[in-house]
């Protein structure tokens, strides 16, 4: 599973760059853990959407799992109430 990688799309990257550094590092650490041992994380599928949700404190990281390319595509990062509005 070490061959997996993650890609952060531009809207998620912009949100990540504006965050406080401690929250930013926690999210990056969670994404790194996703590559190595995803069972340690709070990941759930979203109802009515193709994305999965990774909870990191008060933030949600929405991503799509592409098993063919062994890639996690991070589509959105945000606070719990705001991330689902798109």
C-alpha atoms as a PDB file:
ATOM      1  CA  UNK A   1       0.000   0.000   0.000  1.00  0.00           C
ATOM      2  CA  UNK A   2       3.051   2.260   0.167  1.00  0.00           C
ATOM      3  CA  UNK A   3       2.702   2.926  -3.557  1.00  0.00           C
ATOM      4  CA  UNK A   4      -0.367   5.085  -2.963  1.00  0.00           C
ATOM      5  CA  UNK A   5      -0.162   8.860  -3.251  1.00  0.00           C
ATOM      6  CA  UNK A   6      -2.494  11.776  -2.730  1.00  0.00           C
ATOM      7  CA  UNK A   7      -3.250  14.755  -4.930  1.00  0.00           C
ATOM      8  CA  UNK A   8      -4.753  17.933  -3.487  1.00  0.00           C
ATOM      9  CA  UNK A   9      -6.947  19.861  -5.913  1.00  0.00           C
ATOM     10  CA  UNK A  10      -6.611  23.639  -6.123  1.00  0.00           C
ATOM     11  CA  UNK A  11      -9.678  24.642  -3.982  1.00  0.00           C
ATOM     12  CA  UNK A  12      -8.563  22.308  -1.184  1.00  0.00           C
ATOM     13  CA  UNK A  13      -4.964  23.498  -1.456  1.00  0.00           C
ATOM     14  CA  UNK A  14      -6.012  27.154  -1.206  1.00  0.00           C
ATOM     15  CA  UNK A  15      -8.029  26.404   1.939  1.00  0.00           C
ATOM     16  CA  UNK A  16      -5.114  24.443   3.410  1.00  0.00           C
ATOM     17  CA  UNK A  17      -2.686  27.298   2.755  1.00  0.00           C
ATOM     18  CA  UNK A  18      -4.940  29.781   4.609  1.00  0.00           C
ATOM     19  CA  UNK A  19      -5.231  27.613   7.729  1.00  0.00           C
ATOM     20  CA  UNK A  20      -3.262  28.086  10.927  1.00  0.00           C
ATOM     21  CA  UNK A  21      -0.007  26.171  10.843  1.00  0.00           C
ATOM     22  CA  UNK A  22      -0.917  23.698  13.616  1.00  0.00           C
ATOM     23  CA  UNK A  23      -4.195  22.730  11.896  1.00  0.00           C
ATOM     24  CA  UNK A  24      -2.366  22.604   8.579  1.00  0.00           C
ATOM     25  CA  UNK A  25       0.239  20.195   9.924  1.00  0.00           C
ATOM     26  CA  UNK A  26      -2.439  17.950  11.486  1.00  0.00           C
ATOM     27  CA  UNK A  27      -4.203  17.630   8.125  1.00  0.00           C
ATOM     28  CA  UNK A  28      -0.954  16.913   6.276  1.00  0.00           C
ATOM     29  CA  UNK A  29      -0.044  14.333   8.919  1.00  0.00           C
ATOM     30  CA  UNK A  30      -3.476  12.682   8.494  1.00  0.00           C
ATOM     31  CA  UNK A  31      -3.003  12.576   4.709  1.00  0.00           C
ATOM     32  CA  UNK A  32       0.421  10.980   5.183  1.00  0.00           C
ATOM     33  CA  UNK A  33      -1.164   8.411   7.513  1.00  0.00           C
ATOM     34  CA  UNK A  34      -3.779   7.741   4.837  1.00  0.00           C
ATOM     35  CA  UNK A  35      -1.000   6.504   2.560  1.00  0.00           C
ATOM     36  CA  UNK A  36       0.514   4.178   5.140  1.00  0.00           C
ATOM     37  CA  UNK A  37      -2.285   2.971   7.442  1.00  0.00           C
ATOM     38  CA  UNK A  38      -5.771   4.252   6.521  1.00  0.00           C
ATOM     39  CA  UNK A  39      -7.450   2.005   9.108  1.00  0.00           C
ATOM     40  CA  UNK A  40      -6.134   4.287  11.868  1.00  0.00           C
ATOM     41  CA  UNK A  41      -8.183   7.243  10.578  1.00  0.00           C
ATOM     42  CA  UNK A  42     -11.834   8.273  10.906  1.00  0.00           C
ATOM     43  CA  UNK A  43     -12.935   7.692   7.290  1.00  0.00           C
ATOM     44  CA  UNK A  44     -16.540   7.235   6.208  1.00  0.00           C
ATOM     45  CA  UNK A  45     -18.324   7.159   2.843  1.00  0.00           C
ATOM     46  CA  UNK A  46     -20.715  10.038   2.184  1.00  0.00           C
ATOM     47  CA  UNK A  47     -24.350   9.307   1.431  1.00  0.00           C
ATOM     48  CA  UNK A  48     -25.404  10.460  -2.024  1.00  0.00           C
ATOM     49  CA  UNK A  49     -21.842  11.388  -3.038  1.00  0.00           C
ATOM     50  CA  UNK A  50     -18.905   9.494  -4.474  1.00  0.00           C
ATOM     51  CA  UNK A  51     -16.478  10.990  -1.972  1.00  0.00           C
ATOM     52  CA  UNK A  52     -15.145   9.710   1.314  1.00  0.00           C
ATOM     53  CA  UNK A  53     -14.843  11.870   4.410  1.00  0.00           C
ATOM     54  CA  UNK A  54     -11.723  12.023   6.580  1.00  0.00           C
ATOM     55  CA  UNK A  55     -12.285  13.770   9.900  1.00  0.00           C
ATOM     56  CA  UNK A  56      -9.322  15.666  11.339  1.00  0.00           C
ATOM     57  CA  UNK A  57     -10.407  17.493  14.493  1.00  0.00           C
ATOM     58  CA  UNK A  58     -13.005  20.093  13.545  1.00  0.00           C
ATOM     59  CA  UNK A  59     -12.146  19.807   9.850  1.00  0.00           C
ATOM     60  CA  UNK A  60     -13.373  17.477   7.146  1.00  0.00           C
ATOM     61  CA  UNK A  61     -11.241  16.335   4.227  1.00  0.00           C
ATOM     62  CA  UNK A  62     -13.282  15.075   1.283  1.00  0.00           C
ATOM     63  CA  UNK A  63     -11.503  12.804  -1.142  1.00  0.00           C
ATOM     64  CA  UNK A  64     -12.063  10.257  -3.892  1.00  0.00           C
ATOM     65  CA  UNK A  65     -10.197   6.958  -3.963  1.00  0.00           C
ATOM     66  CA  UNK A  66      -8.876   6.008  -7.411  1.00  0.00           C
ATOM     67  CA  UNK A  67      -7.805   2.371  -7.010  1.00  0.00           C
ATOM     68  CA  UNK A  68      -6.665   2.018 -10.632  1.00  0.00           C
ATOM     69  CA  UNK A  69      -4.092   4.804 -10.243  1.00  0.00           C
ATOM     70  CA  UNK A  70      -3.570   4.154  -6.503  1.00  0.00           C
ATOM     71  CA  UNK A  71      -4.321   7.798  -5.782  1.00  0.00           C
ATOM     72  CA  UNK A  72      -6.420   9.678  -3.263  1.00  0.00           C
ATOM     73  CA  UNK A  73      -7.755  12.891  -4.815  1.00  0.00           C
ATOM     74  CA  UNK A  74      -8.507  15.486  -2.130  1.00  0.00           C
ATOM     75  CA  UNK A  75     -11.407  17.537  -3.486  1.00  0.00           C
ATOM     76  CA  UNK A  76     -12.240  19.775  -0.532  1.00  0.00           C
ATOM     77  CA  UNK A  77     -11.073  20.713   2.953  1.00  0.00           C
ATOM     78  CA  UNK A  78     -13.201  22.737   5.325  1.00  0.00           C
ATOM     79  CA  UNK A  79     -15.021  22.998   8.616  1.00  0.00           C
ATOM     80  CA  UNK A  80     -17.805  20.510   9.189  1.00  0.00           C
ATOM     81  CA  UNK A  81     -20.709  22.802   8.374  1.00  0.00           C
ATOM     82  CA  UNK A  82     -19.192  24.459   5.306  1.00  0.00           C
ATOM     83  CA  UNK A  83     -17.554  21.577   3.484  1.00  0.00           C
ATOM     84  CA  UNK A  84     -20.802  19.896   2.376  1.00  0.00           C
ATOM     85  CA  UNK A  85     -22.416  23.022   0.880  1.00  0.00           C
ATOM     86  CA  UNK A  86     -20.762  22.708  -2.531  1.00  0.00           C
END
